[in-house]
C-alpha atoms as a PDB file:
ATOM      1  CA  UNK A   1     -10.278  -7.763  27.149  1.00  0.00           C
ATOM      2  CA  UNK A   2     -13.160  -5.638  25.865  1.00  0.00           C
ATOM      3  CA  UNK A   3     -12.411  -2.457  23.918  1.00  0.00           C
ATOM      4  CA  UNK A   4     -13.436   0.752  25.645  1.00  0.00           C
ATOM      5  CA  UNK A   5     -15.754   2.982  23.634  1.00  0.00           C
ATOM      6  CA  UNK A   6     -15.020   6.674  23.814  1.00  0.00           C
ATOM      7  CA  UNK A   7     -17.622   9.441  23.403  1.00  0.00           C
ATOM      8  CA  UNK A   8     -16.932   9.594  19.663  1.00  0.00           C
ATOM      9  CA  UNK A   9     -16.491   5.903  19.000  1.00  0.00           C
ATOM     10  CA  UNK A  10     -17.526   4.695  15.528  1.00  0.00           C
ATOM     11  CA  UNK A  11     -20.398   2.697  17.044  1.00  0.00           C
ATOM     12  CA  UNK A  12     -21.820   5.746  18.788  1.00  0.00           C
ATOM     13  CA  UNK A  13     -21.377   8.001  15.742  1.00  0.00           C
ATOM     14  CA  UNK A  14     -23.204   5.560  13.485  1.00  0.00           C
ATOM     15  CA  UNK A  15     -25.931   5.047  16.075  1.00  0.00           C
ATOM     16  CA  UNK A  16     -26.513   8.820  16.188  1.00  0.00           C
ATOM     17  CA  UNK A  17     -26.575   8.950  12.369  1.00  0.00           C
ATOM     18  CA  UNK A  18     -29.100   6.115  12.212  1.00  0.00           C
ATOM     19  CA  UNK A  19     -31.387   7.854  14.698  1.00  0.00           C
ATOM     20  CA  UNK A  20     -31.158  11.170  12.881  1.00  0.00           C
ATOM     21  CA  UNK A  21     -31.156  10.122   9.215  1.00  0.00           C
ATOM     22  CA  UNK A  22     -32.842   6.725   8.929  1.00  0.00           C
ATOM     23  CA  UNK A  23     -36.318   8.025   8.031  1.00  0.00           C
ATOM     24  CA  UNK A  24     -35.200  10.643   5.470  1.00  0.00           C
ATOM     25  CA  UNK A  25     -32.898   8.078   3.838  1.00  0.00           C
ATOM     26  CA  UNK A  26     -35.714   5.521   3.768  1.00  0.00           C
ATOM     27  CA  UNK A  27     -37.958   8.001   1.955  1.00  0.00           C
ATOM     28  CA  UNK A  28     -35.147   8.835  -0.467  1.00  0.00           C
ATOM     29  CA  UNK A  29     -34.392   5.177  -1.204  1.00  0.00           C
ATOM     30  CA  UNK A  30     -38.064   4.303  -1.527  1.00  0.00           C
ATOM     31  CA  UNK A  31     -38.592   7.146  -3.964  1.00  0.00           C
ATOM     32  CA  UNK A  32     -35.621   5.932  -5.973  1.00  0.00           C
ATOM     33  CA  UNK A  33     -36.323   2.175  -5.897  1.00  0.00           C
ATOM     34  CA  UNK A  34     -40.149   2.137  -5.652  1.00  0.00           C
ATOM     35  CA  UNK A  35     -40.049  -0.872  -3.355  1.00  0.00           C
ATOM     36  CA  UNK A  36     -40.319  -0.802   0.446  1.00  0.00           C
ATOM     37  CA  UNK A  37     -38.182  -3.886   1.118  1.00  0.00           C
ATOM     38  CA  UNK A  38     -35.458  -2.817  -1.291  1.00  0.00           C
ATOM     39  CA  UNK A  39     -35.486   0.649   0.273  1.00  0.00           C
ATOM     40  CA  UNK A  40     -34.990  -0.822   3.751  1.00  0.00           C
ATOM     41  CA  UNK A  41     -32.158  -2.972   2.405  1.00  0.00           C
ATOM     42  CA  UNK A  42     -30.594   0.070   0.733  1.00  0.00           C
ATOM     43  CA  UNK A  43     -30.746   2.098   3.952  1.00  0.00           C
ATOM     44  CA  UNK A  44     -29.217  -0.751   5.919  1.00  0.00           C
ATOM     45  CA  UNK A  45     -26.478  -1.119   3.305  1.00  0.00           C
ATOM     46  CA  UNK A  46     -25.929   2.656   3.410  1.00  0.00           C
ATOM     47  CA  UNK A  47     -25.231   2.582   7.138  1.00  0.00           C
ATOM     48  CA  UNK A  48     -22.995  -0.482   6.783  1.00  0.00           C
ATOM     49  CA  UNK A  49     -20.944   1.308   4.120  1.00  0.00           C
ATOM     50  CA  UNK A  50     -20.857   4.459   6.242  1.00  0.00           C
ATOM     51  CA  UNK A  51     -19.633   2.495   9.253  1.00  0.00           C
ATOM     52  CA  UNK A  52     -16.898   0.810   7.221  1.00  0.00           C
ATOM     53  CA  UNK A  53     -15.764   4.148   5.783  1.00  0.00           C
ATOM     54  CA  UNK A  54     -16.237   6.372   8.815  1.00  0.00           C
ATOM     55  CA  UNK A  55     -12.495   7.007   8.931  1.00  0.00           C
ATOM     56  CA  UNK A  56     -12.694   8.368   5.352  1.00  0.00           C
ATOM     57  CA  UNK A  57     -15.552  10.764   6.135  1.00  0.00           C
ATOM     58  CA  UNK A  58     -14.378  14.281   5.434  1.00  0.00           C
ATOM     59  CA  UNK A  59     -15.705  16.841   7.854  1.00  0.00           C
ATOM     60  CA  UNK A  60     -16.125  19.422   5.067  1.00  0.00           C
ATOM     61  CA  UNK A  61     -19.319  17.660   3.944  1.00  0.00           C
ATOM     62  CA  UNK A  62     -22.314  17.352   6.230  1.00  0.00           C
ATOM     63  CA  UNK A  63     -23.259  13.891   7.457  1.00  0.00           C
ATOM     64  CA  UNK A  64     -26.577  14.279   5.630  1.00  0.00           C
ATOM     65  CA  UNK A  65     -24.992  14.881   2.218  1.00  0.00           C
ATOM     66  CA  UNK A  66     -22.409  12.146   2.792  1.00  0.00           C
ATOM     67  CA  UNK A  67     -25.082   9.593   3.728  1.00  0.00           C
ATOM     68  CA  UNK A  68     -27.355  10.728   0.889  1.00  0.00           C
ATOM     69  CA  UNK A  69     -24.533  10.212  -1.584  1.00  0.00           C
ATOM     70  CA  UNK A  70     -23.915   6.703  -0.240  1.00  0.00           C
ATOM     71  CA  UNK A  71     -27.666   5.949  -0.348  1.00  0.00           C
ATOM     72  CA  UNK A  72     -28.053   7.160  -3.934  1.00  0.00           C
ATOM     73  CA  UNK A  73     -25.068   5.117  -5.085  1.00  0.00           C
ATOM     74  CA  UNK A  74     -26.426   2.072  -3.234  1.00  0.00           C
ATOM     75  CA  UNK A  75     -29.811   2.519  -4.939  1.00  0.00           C
ATOM     76  CA  UNK A  76     -28.111   2.850  -8.322  1.00  0.00           C
ATOM     77  CA  UNK A  77     -26.147  -0.346  -7.675  1.00  0.00           C
ATOM     78  CA  UNK A  78     -29.314  -2.176  -6.668  1.00  0.00           C
ATOM     79  CA  UNK A  79     -31.219  -0.947  -9.724  1.00  0.00           C
ATOM     80  CA  UNK A  80     -28.487  -2.257 -12.031  1.00  0.00           C
ATOM     81  CA  UNK A  81     -29.042  -5.859 -11.032  1.00  0.00           C
ATOM     82  CA  UNK A  82     -30.785  -8.044 -13.615  1.00  0.00           C
ATOM     83  CA  UNK A  83     -33.819  -9.086 -11.583  1.00  0.00           C
ATOM     84  CA  UNK A  84     -34.533  -5.495 -10.536  1.00  0.00           C
ATOM     85  CA  UNK A  85     -35.680  -4.623 -14.058  1.00  0.00           C
ATOM     86  CA  UNK A  86     -38.299  -7.385 -14.005  1.00  0.00           C
ATOM     87  CA  UNK A  87     -40.063  -6.358 -10.810  1.00  0.00           C
ATOM     88  CA  UNK A  88     -43.224  -4.220 -11.019  1.00  0.00           C
ATOM     89  CA  UNK A  89     -42.597  -1.139  -8.925  1.00  0.00           C
ATOM     90  CA  UNK A  90     -45.711   0.945  -9.547  1.00  0.00           C
ATOM     91  CA  UNK A  91     -46.136   3.011  -6.443  1.00  0.00           C
ATOM     92  CA  UNK A  92     -48.831   5.116  -4.890  1.00  0.00           C
ATOM     93  CA  UNK A  93     -48.431   7.816  -2.251  1.00  0.00           C
ATOM     94  CA  UNK A  94     -49.990   5.436   0.300  1.00  0.00           C
ATOM     95  CA  UNK A  95     -46.974   3.167  -0.098  1.00  0.00           C
ATOM     96  CA  UNK A  96     -44.457   5.882   0.834  1.00  0.00           C
ATOM     97  CA  UNK A  97     -43.084   5.792   4.385  1.00  0.00           C
ATOM     98  CA  UNK A  98     -45.013   8.135   6.666  1.00  0.00           C
ATOM     99  CA  UNK A  99     -43.875  11.771   6.530  1.00  0.00           C
ATOM    100  CA  UNK A 100     -43.344  13.846   9.655  1.00  0.00           C
ATOM    101  CA  UNK A 101     -46.530  15.848   8.958  1.00  0.00           C
ATOM    102  CA  UNK A 102     -49.793  15.017   7.116  1.00  0.00           C
ATOM    103  CA  UNK A 103     -49.621  15.263   3.324  1.00  0.00           C
ATOM    104  CA  UNK A 104     -52.103  17.458   1.465  1.00  0.00           C
ATOM    105  CA  UNK A 105     -53.828  15.993  -1.644  1.00  0.00           C
ATOM    106  CA  UNK A 106     -52.044  18.518  -3.915  1.00  0.00           C
ATOM    107  CA  UNK A 107     -48.716  17.431  -2.439  1.00  0.00           C
ATOM    108  CA  UNK A 108     -49.510  13.777  -3.153  1.00  0.00           C
ATOM    109  CA  UNK A 109     -50.162  14.556  -6.809  1.00  0.00           C
ATOM    110  CA  UNK A 110     -46.955  16.578  -7.032  1.00  0.00           C
ATOM    111  CA  UNK A 111     -44.978  13.794  -5.354  1.00  0.00           C
ATOM    112  CA  UNK A 112     -46.309  11.289  -7.878  1.00  0.00           C
ATOM    113  CA  UNK A 113     -45.284  13.581 -10.742  1.00  0.00           C
ATOM    114  CA  UNK A 114     -41.805  13.953  -9.218  1.00  0.00           C
ATOM    115  CA  UNK A 115     -41.525  10.151  -9.177  1.00  0.00           C
ATOM    116  CA  UNK A 116     -42.189  10.109 -12.941  1.00  0.00           C
ATOM    117  CA  UNK A 117     -39.317  12.495 -13.738  1.00  0.00           C
ATOM    118  CA  UNK A 118     -36.171  11.179 -15.446  1.00  0.00           C
ATOM    119  CA  UNK A 119     -33.624   9.877 -12.919  1.00  0.00           C
ATOM    120  CA  UNK A 120     -31.263  12.862 -12.866  1.00  0.00           C
ATOM    121  CA  UNK A 121     -34.068  15.387 -12.415  1.00  0.00           C
ATOM    122  CA  UNK A 122     -35.808  13.139  -9.878  1.00  0.00           C
ATOM    123  CA  UNK A 123     -32.637  12.832  -7.778  1.00  0.00           C
ATOM    124  CA  UNK A 124     -32.204  16.611  -7.644  1.00  0.00           C
ATOM    125  CA  UNK A 125     -35.884  17.157  -6.852  1.00  0.00           C
ATOM    126  CA  UNK A 126     -35.925  14.522  -4.125  1.00  0.00           C
ATOM    127  CA  UNK A 127     -32.881  15.981  -2.410  1.00  0.00           C
ATOM    128  CA  UNK A 128     -33.836  19.659  -2.652  1.00  0.00           C
ATOM    129  CA  UNK A 129     -37.613  19.638  -2.510  1.00  0.00           C
ATOM    130  CA  UNK A 130     -38.487  16.567  -0.485  1.00  0.00           C
ATOM    131  CA  UNK A 131     -35.373  16.219   1.696  1.00  0.00           C
ATOM    132  CA  UNK A 132     -34.938  19.980   2.131  1.00  0.00           C
ATOM    133  CA  UNK A 133     -31.272  20.093   1.148  1.00  0.00           C
ATOM    134  CA  UNK A 134     -29.703  23.298  -0.103  1.00  0.00           C
ATOM    135  CA  UNK A 135     -28.447  23.396  -3.679  1.00  0.00           C
ATOM    136  CA  UNK A 136     -24.874  23.137  -2.352  1.00  0.00           C
ATOM    137  CA  UNK A 137     -25.699  20.077  -0.240  1.00  0.00           C
ATOM    138  CA  UNK A 138     -27.540  18.378  -3.111  1.00  0.00           C
ATOM    139  CA  UNK A 139     -24.727  19.131  -5.569  1.00  0.00           C
ATOM    140  CA  UNK A 140     -22.230  17.682  -3.099  1.00  0.00           C
ATOM    141  CA  UNK A 141     -24.396  14.598  -2.494  1.00  0.00           C
ATOM    142  CA  UNK A 142     -24.728  13.956  -6.231  1.00  0.00           C
ATOM    143  CA  UNK A 143     -21.139  14.859  -7.039  1.00  0.00           C
ATOM    144  CA  UNK A 144     -22.147  17.520  -9.575  1.00  0.00           C
ATOM    145  CA  UNK A 145     -21.701  21.268  -9.895  1.00  0.00           C
ATOM    146  CA  UNK A 146     -24.018  23.863  -8.406  1.00  0.00           C
ATOM    147  CA  UNK A 147     -24.960  24.949 -11.922  1.00  0.00           C
ATOM    148  CA  UNK A 148     -25.879  21.366 -12.877  1.00  0.00           C
ATOM    149  CA  UNK A 149     -28.201  21.028  -9.875  1.00  0.00           C
ATOM    150  CA  UNK A 150     -29.853  24.330 -10.810  1.00  0.00           C
ATOM    151  CA  UNK A 151     -30.293  23.195 -14.419  1.00  0.00           C
ATOM    152  CA  UNK A 152     -31.795  19.862 -13.371  1.00  0.00           C
ATOM    153  CA  UNK A 153     -34.229  21.558 -11.007  1.00  0.00           C
ATOM    154  CA  UNK A 154     -35.242  24.122 -13.627  1.00  0.00           C
ATOM    155  CA  UNK A 155     -35.958  21.358 -16.143  1.00  0.00           C
ATOM    156  CA  UNK A 156     -37.829  19.404 -13.454  1.00  0.00           C
ATOM    157  CA  UNK A 157     -39.928  22.488 -12.600  1.00  0.00           C
ATOM    158  CA  UNK A 158     -40.822  22.932 -16.269  1.00  0.00           C
ATOM    159  CA  UNK A 159     -41.831  19.263 -16.662  1.00  0.00           C
ATOM    160  CA  UNK A 160     -43.845  19.354 -13.438  1.00  0.00           C
ATOM    161  CA  UNK A 161     -45.611  22.559 -14.461  1.00  0.00           C
ATOM    162  CA  UNK A 162     -46.563  20.967 -17.802  1.00  0.00           C
ATOM    163  CA  UNK A 163     -47.772  17.795 -16.092  1.00  0.00           C
ATOM    164  CA  UNK A 164     -49.843  19.711 -13.551  1.00  0.00           C
ATOM    165  CA  UNK A 165     -51.374  21.882 -16.305  1.00  0.00           C
ATOM    166  CA  UNK A 166     -52.314  18.744 -18.247  1.00  0.00           C
ATOM    167  CA  UNK A 167     -53.847  17.303 -15.088  1.00  0.00           C
ATOM    168  CA  UNK A 168     -55.881  20.477 -14.435  1.00  0.00           C
ATOM    169  CA  UNK A 169     -57.025  20.603 -18.066  1.00  0.00           C
ATOM    170  CA  UNK A 170     -58.079  16.944 -17.802  1.00  0.00           C
ATOM    171  CA  UNK A 171     -60.000  17.548 -14.555  1.00  0.00           C
ATOM    172  CA  UNK A 172     -61.848  20.612 -15.914  1.00  0.00           C
ATOM    173  CA  UNK A 173     -62.843  18.835 -19.150  1.00  0.00           C
END
């Protein structure tokens, strides 16, 4: 006898999540891992973990922050493996998955500078600036305080400003 799927069955909920969040999670994982195939694997693993733990999902967090948290932890797990450290992951903006709208040249340069930030600052920047999460959502996704997310973003802004000023000074020289 085949099980009957209700309107909120786990299969249907995950399918809706995949449709809605697959592309943003792919961009997030790619930015974290710097490898298209690993990013696809990480997104797939994210949805597998989400499916297995759907009964543990707490409605107080948005699906987006919950999935982002799973994706970040999956990327961290993948980056801890021994062979991961030996793979060349130099990326260019052309390698990033296609955004919803065309990217301006200034935005490409800024994105590349964001990718060079230390991991904690990069995570905060990716979630807030590139994924469009609020500070509360990003703090929840990273499991840190609102003040910590603000501090990380302030330090990231300072580093980015310095990098962009160096770049402008180099171009005008």
